[in-house]
Amino acid sequence: MEELAELIRSNPDFRELKRALTVQMVSQGYTYFQIRDVLQVSVGLISKWKQAFEEQGVLGLAFQYQGSTGSLTPSQRLVLRSNFAALGI
């Protein structure tokens, strides 16, 4: 639980902070419905984050979305870069 407290104190990512606060509130005995109302998250997410923490510790609460791959071809990227350079951007 000390790792969880440290994550809450030091994490600037709001999404991870919300996950950590959720797990902390569960461990303090708050009901899922109380947590849902306070943090505005679904009961399903509360359960998912609690399970992730139990299985992986604080690493299970990390935001893992990496974004989608780009759809521009290398030549299209080159054209965009030269257009931006011409505009001074």
C-alpha atoms as a PDB file:
ATOM      1  CA  MET A   1       0.000   0.000   0.000  1.00  0.00           C
ATOM      2  CA  GLU A   2       2.980   2.311   0.429  1.00  0.00           C
ATOM      3  CA  GLU A   3       3.646   2.142  -3.323  1.00  0.00           C
ATOM      4  CA  LEU A   4       0.033   3.142  -3.914  1.00  0.00           C
ATOM      5  CA  ALA A   5       0.345   6.119  -1.547  1.00  0.00           C
ATOM      6  CA  GLU A   6       3.540   7.200  -3.334  1.00  0.00           C
ATOM      7  CA  LEU A   7       1.795   6.945  -6.716  1.00  0.00           C
ATOM      8  CA  ILE A   8      -0.993   9.178  -5.426  1.00  0.00           C
ATOM      9  CA  ARG A   9       1.463  11.747  -4.026  1.00  0.00           C
ATOM     10  CA  SER A  10       3.722  11.930  -7.051  1.00  0.00           C
ATOM     11  CA  ASN A  11       1.756  11.131 -10.198  1.00  0.00           C
ATOM     12  CA  PRO A  12       0.919  14.057 -12.488  1.00  0.00           C
ATOM     13  CA  ASP A  13      -1.192  11.882 -14.842  1.00  0.00           C
ATOM     14  CA  PHE A  14      -4.804  12.419 -13.817  1.00  0.00           C
ATOM     15  CA  ARG A  15      -5.926   9.091 -15.293  1.00  0.00           C
ATOM     16  CA  GLU A  16      -3.451   7.105 -13.217  1.00  0.00           C
ATOM     17  CA  LEU A  17      -4.211   9.209 -10.142  1.00  0.00           C
ATOM     18  CA  LYS A  18      -7.910   8.421 -10.501  1.00  0.00           C
ATOM     19  CA  ARG A  19      -7.130   4.709 -10.733  1.00  0.00           C
ATOM     20  CA  ALA A  20      -4.900   4.858  -7.652  1.00  0.00           C
ATOM     21  CA  LEU A  21      -7.496   6.803  -5.661  1.00  0.00           C
ATOM     22  CA  THR A  22     -10.103   4.235  -6.654  1.00  0.00           C
ATOM     23  CA  VAL A  23      -7.999   1.355  -5.339  1.00  0.00           C
ATOM     24  CA  GLN A  24      -7.176   3.283  -2.173  1.00  0.00           C
ATOM     25  CA  MET A  25     -10.855   3.971  -1.514  1.00  0.00           C
ATOM     26  CA  VAL A  26     -11.705   0.283  -2.023  1.00  0.00           C
ATOM     27  CA  SER A  27      -9.010  -0.670   0.493  1.00  0.00           C
ATOM     28  CA  GLN A  28     -10.436   1.857   2.963  1.00  0.00           C
ATOM     29  CA  GLY A  29     -13.838   0.175   2.833  1.00  0.00           C
ATOM     30  CA  TYR A  30     -15.798   2.519   0.583  1.00  0.00           C
ATOM     31  CA  THR A  31     -18.480   0.777  -1.458  1.00  0.00           C
ATOM     32  CA  TYR A  32     -18.226   0.667  -5.233  1.00  0.00           C
ATOM     33  CA  PHE A  33     -21.299   2.894  -5.417  1.00  0.00           C
ATOM     34  CA  GLN A  34     -19.750   5.518  -3.132  1.00  0.00           C
ATOM     35  CA  ILE A  35     -16.574   5.487  -5.223  1.00  0.00           C
ATOM     36  CA  ARG A  36     -18.618   5.707  -8.425  1.00  0.00           C
ATOM     37  CA  ASP A  37     -20.413   8.787  -7.155  1.00  0.00           C
ATOM     38  CA  VAL A  38     -17.281  10.545  -5.865  1.00  0.00           C
ATOM     39  CA  LEU A  39     -14.880   9.800  -8.733  1.00  0.00           C
ATOM     40  CA  GLN A  40     -17.455   9.543 -11.530  1.00  0.00           C
ATOM     41  CA  VAL A  41     -16.280   6.136 -12.765  1.00  0.00           C
ATOM     42  CA  SER A  42     -18.284   3.022 -13.536  1.00  0.00           C
ATOM     43  CA  VAL A  43     -18.524   0.100 -11.158  1.00  0.00           C
ATOM     44  CA  GLY A  44     -16.982  -2.038 -13.915  1.00  0.00           C
ATOM     45  CA  LEU A  45     -13.874   0.147 -14.040  1.00  0.00           C
ATOM     46  CA  ILE A  46     -13.552   0.064 -10.268  1.00  0.00           C
ATOM     47  CA  SER A  47     -13.537  -3.720 -10.379  1.00  0.00           C
ATOM     48  CA  LYS A  48     -11.102  -3.788 -13.305  1.00  0.00           C
ATOM     49  CA  TRP A  49      -8.626  -1.406 -11.632  1.00  0.00           C
ATOM     50  CA  LYS A  50      -8.844  -3.248  -8.303  1.00  0.00           C
ATOM     51  CA  GLN A  51      -8.085  -6.548 -10.031  1.00  0.00           C
ATOM     52  CA  ALA A  52      -5.212  -5.001 -12.020  1.00  0.00           C
ATOM     53  CA  PHE A  53      -3.694  -3.678  -8.789  1.00  0.00           C
ATOM     54  CA  GLU A  54      -4.080  -7.026  -7.035  1.00  0.00           C
ATOM     55  CA  GLU A  55      -2.389  -8.852  -9.923  1.00  0.00           C
ATOM     56  CA  GLN A  56       0.320  -6.349 -10.934  1.00  0.00           C
ATOM     57  CA  GLY A  57       0.635  -3.775  -8.161  1.00  0.00           C
ATOM     58  CA  VAL A  58       0.979  -0.119  -9.161  1.00  0.00           C
ATOM     59  CA  LEU A  59       2.169  -1.137 -12.640  1.00  0.00           C
ATOM     60  CA  GLY A  60      -1.330  -2.469 -13.257  1.00  0.00           C
ATOM     61  CA  LEU A  61      -2.686   1.069 -12.852  1.00  0.00           C
ATOM     62  CA  ALA A  62      -0.418   2.598 -15.503  1.00  0.00           C
ATOM     63  CA  PHE A  63      -2.085   4.194 -18.499  1.00  0.00           C
ATOM     64  CA  GLN A  64      -1.201   1.916 -21.396  1.00  0.00           C
ATOM     65  CA  TYR A  65      -2.795   3.495 -24.455  1.00  0.00           C
ATOM     66  CA  GLN A  66      -0.102   4.156 -27.042  1.00  0.00           C
ATOM     67  CA  GLY A  67      -2.186   5.761 -29.768  1.00  0.00           C
ATOM     68  CA  SER A  68      -2.785   4.527 -33.265  1.00  0.00           C
ATOM     69  CA  THR A  69      -0.176   4.259 -35.961  1.00  0.00           C
ATOM     70  CA  GLY A  70       0.036   7.121 -38.424  1.00  0.00           C
ATOM     71  CA  SER A  71      -1.601   6.807 -41.800  1.00  0.00           C
ATOM     72  CA  LEU A  72       0.681   9.119 -43.798  1.00  0.00           C
ATOM     73  CA  THR A  73       3.256   7.649 -46.120  1.00  0.00           C
ATOM     74  CA  PRO A  74       6.873   8.786 -45.765  1.00  0.00           C
ATOM     75  CA  SER A  75       6.520  10.958 -48.877  1.00  0.00           C
ATOM     76  CA  GLN A  76       3.375  12.615 -47.476  1.00  0.00           C
ATOM     77  CA  ARG A  77       5.210  13.372 -44.226  1.00  0.00           C
ATOM     78  CA  LEU A  78       8.047  14.924 -46.223  1.00  0.00           C
ATOM     79  CA  VAL A  79       5.610  17.178 -48.102  1.00  0.00           C
ATOM     80  CA  LEU A  80       4.013  18.290 -44.831  1.00  0.00           C
ATOM     81  CA  ARG A  81       7.380  19.033 -43.249  1.00  0.00           C
ATOM     82  CA  SER A  82       8.491  21.126 -46.208  1.00  0.00           C
ATOM     83  CA  ASN A  83       5.167  22.999 -46.223  1.00  0.00           C
ATOM     84  CA  PHE A  84       5.514  23.730 -42.501  1.00  0.00           C
ATOM     85  CA  ALA A  85       9.118  24.816 -43.019  1.00  0.00           C
ATOM     86  CA  ALA A  86       8.042  27.178 -45.798  1.00  0.00           C
ATOM     87  CA  LEU A  87       5.518  28.717 -43.401  1.00  0.00           C
ATOM     88  CA  GLY A  88       8.127  29.020 -40.659  1.00  0.00           C
ATOM     89  CA  ILE A  89       6.393  26.541 -38.388  1.00  0.00           C
END
